[in-house]
Protein backbone atom coordinates (compact mmCIF):
# COMPACT_ATOMS: atom_id res chain seq x y z
CA UNK A 1 -19.33 67.12 -20.65
CA UNK A 2 -16.07 69.53 -19.82
CA UNK A 3 -16.77 71.20 -23.53
CA UNK A 4 -19.95 72.62 -21.92
CA UNK A 5 -20.21 76.38 -21.87
CA UNK A 6 -22.66 78.80 -20.08
CA UNK A 7 -24.11 81.61 -21.23
CA UNK A 8 -21.62 83.76 -20.03
CA UNK A 9 -19.11 81.99 -22.46
CA UNK A 10 -17.68 80.02 -19.51
CA UNK A 11 -17.02 76.71 -18.53
CA UNK A 12 -20.32 75.59 -17.17
CA UNK A 13 -20.61 75.16 -13.19
CA UNK A 14 -22.67 72.74 -10.91
CA UNK A 15 -26.22 73.67 -10.35
CA UNK A 16 -26.45 72.17 -7.54
CA UNK A 17 -25.35 68.84 -5.82
CA UNK A 18 -28.10 68.95 -2.29
CA UNK A 19 -30.17 68.74 -3.89
CA UNK A 20 -28.82 66.71 -7.08
CA UNK A 21 -30.09 68.51 -9.85
CA UNK A 22 -30.28 67.94 -13.96
CA UNK A 23 -31.84 66.24 -16.06
CA UNK A 24 -29.07 63.12 -15.19
CA UNK A 25 -28.89 63.60 -11.97
CA UNK A 26 -25.58 64.79 -11.66
CA UNK A 27 -25.82 68.36 -10.70
CA UNK A 28 -24.99 70.51 -13.83
CA UNK A 29 -27.92 72.24 -16.50
CA UNK A 30 -27.14 71.00 -19.84
CA UNK A 31 -28.60 70.54 -23.24
CA UNK A 32 -29.49 66.55 -23.54
CA UNK A 33 -31.47 65.25 -27.26
CA UNK A 34 -33.54 63.02 -24.62
CA UNK A 35 -34.63 65.99 -22.60
CA UNK A 36 -37.60 67.65 -24.21
CA UNK A 37 -38.39 69.61 -21.26
CA UNK A 38 -34.88 71.50 -21.75
CA UNK A 39 -33.51 71.21 -17.83
CA UNK A 40 -30.66 74.16 -19.00
CA UNK A 41 -31.03 77.37 -16.83
CA UNK A 42 -30.69 76.65 -12.93
CA UNK A 43 -32.26 78.47 -11.59
CA UNK A 44 -32.72 79.55 -7.11
CA UNK A 45 -36.28 78.42 -6.43
CA UNK A 46 -38.36 81.42 -4.90
CA UNK A 47 -41.79 80.82 -3.22
CA UNK A 48 -43.39 82.69 -5.63
CA UNK A 49 -42.07 80.46 -8.85
CA UNK A 50 -42.73 77.70 -7.24
CA UNK A 51 -46.56 78.44 -6.25
CA UNK A 52 -46.38 79.52 -10.11
CA UNK A 53 -45.24 75.96 -11.53
CA UNK A 54 -47.85 73.91 -9.93
CA UNK A 55 -50.23 76.40 -10.48
CA UNK A 56 -49.01 75.60 -14.07
CA UNK A 57 -49.28 71.40 -13.34
CA UNK A 58 -45.86 71.05 -12.31
CA UNK A 59 -45.95 70.99 -8.54
CA UNK A 60 -41.93 70.94 -7.43
CA UNK A 61 -42.46 71.27 -3.98
CA UNK A 62 -43.31 67.95 -3.26
CA UNK A 63 -41.40 65.32 -3.25
CA UNK A 64 -41.71 61.67 -6.01
CA UNK A 65 -38.92 59.33 -4.36
CA UNK A 66 -39.66 57.38 -7.50
CA UNK A 67 -38.52 60.05 -9.58
CA UNK A 68 -35.50 60.65 -7.88
CA UNK A 69 -36.77 63.65 -6.99
CA UNK A 70 -36.57 65.38 -3.21
CA UNK A 71 -39.24 68.19 -3.49
CA UNK A 72 -37.83 71.61 -3.73
CA UNK A 73 -37.95 74.95 -1.35
CA UNK A 74 -37.49 78.23 -1.90
CA UNK A 75 -33.24 78.48 -1.74
CA UNK A 76 -32.81 75.65 -3.40
CA UNK A 77 -30.90 75.21 -6.78
CA UNK A 78 -32.18 73.83 -9.63
CA UNK A 79 -32.20 73.29 -13.81
CA UNK A 80 -35.73 74.73 -14.14
CA UNK A 81 -36.83 73.91 -18.30
CA UNK A 82 -36.17 76.71 -20.88
CA UNK A 83 -39.71 77.13 -22.02
CA UNK A 84 -41.34 77.89 -18.16
CA UNK A 85 -38.60 79.79 -16.82
CA UNK A 86 -39.59 82.28 -20.27
CA UNK A 87 -43.28 81.61 -19.08
CA UNK A 88 -42.86 82.42 -15.69
CA UNK A 89 -40.68 85.61 -16.76
CA UNK A 90 -43.61 86.56 -19.07
CA UNK A 91 -46.06 86.67 -16.32
CA UNK A 92 -43.35 88.10 -13.74
CA UNK A 93 -42.50 85.00 -11.54
CA UNK A 94 -39.41 83.93 -12.79
CA UNK A 95 -36.97 82.70 -10.84
CA UNK A 96 -33.63 84.35 -10.09
CA UNK A 97 -30.91 82.76 -12.87
CA UNK A 98 -27.12 81.46 -11.88
CA UNK A 99 -25.07 82.59 -14.97
CA UNK A 100 -22.29 80.24 -13.90
CA UNK A 101 -23.97 76.88 -13.95
CA UNK A 102 -26.76 78.13 -16.83
CA UNK A 103 -26.49 76.43 -20.83
CA UNK A 104 -25.16 78.24 -23.17
CA UNK A 105 -27.79 76.81 -25.67
CA UNK A 106 -30.56 79.10 -23.89
CA UNK A 107 -29.34 82.08 -25.51
CA UNK A 108 -31.14 80.71 -28.54
CA UNK A 109 -34.15 81.51 -26.68
CA UNK A 110 -33.11 83.94 -24.23
CA UNK A 111 -31.41 87.32 -24.26
CA UNK A 112 -28.23 87.18 -22.33
CA UNK A 113 -29.44 90.82 -20.79
CA UNK A 114 -32.50 88.85 -19.76
CA UNK A 115 -30.57 86.58 -18.49
CA UNK A 116 -28.72 88.92 -16.45
CA UNK A 117 -31.61 91.01 -14.80
CA UNK A 118 -32.68 88.04 -13.53
CA UNK A 119 -29.27 86.73 -12.53
CA UNK A 120 -28.74 85.70 -8.35
CA UNK A 121 -26.30 89.01 -6.57
CA UNK A 122 -23.32 87.51 -5.50
CA UNK A 123 -24.30 87.33 -2.18
CA UNK A 124 -27.08 85.06 -2.91
CA UNK A 125 -26.63 81.96 -0.42
CA UNK A 126 -27.23 78.93 -2.35
CA UNK A 127 -28.56 75.47 -1.20
CA UNK A 128 -31.03 74.05 1.86
CA UNK A 129 -28.30 75.72 4.57
CA UNK A 130 -29.88 78.95 3.72
CA UNK A 131 -32.33 77.97 5.82
CA UNK A 132 -30.58 79.49 9.07
CA UNK A 133 -31.95 81.70 11.37
CA UNK A 134 -30.90 84.54 13.01
CA UNK A 135 -33.59 85.22 14.95
CA UNK A 136 -32.30 86.21 18.44
């Protein structure tokens, strides 16, 4: 794991531990030979992407305890499949990307400029705790 690099050339950062993500459910998005889906892009879920993914036959909202899958909501960070992200990007529905936690192997299929154009900003609040409501 320590040898894994992100798309910016630095050490791969964890994507999310709440919910626990990654093909191995260790918090990281990195390539594995036994992962044909290539869960290598760390993305922040949006309602638009979750709806798009469900329409494509991949329901990421409904919990699946048998698969150690908690179900996702907007604001959660998750390791998404490279082909699905590319498809969603072409459809204008791609979720924002955490570059520090996205595997450099993604660059074989997606240009860094494309990822940077879809990168999360430094003020983005990641994870479930982002559901706080300040409406008084």
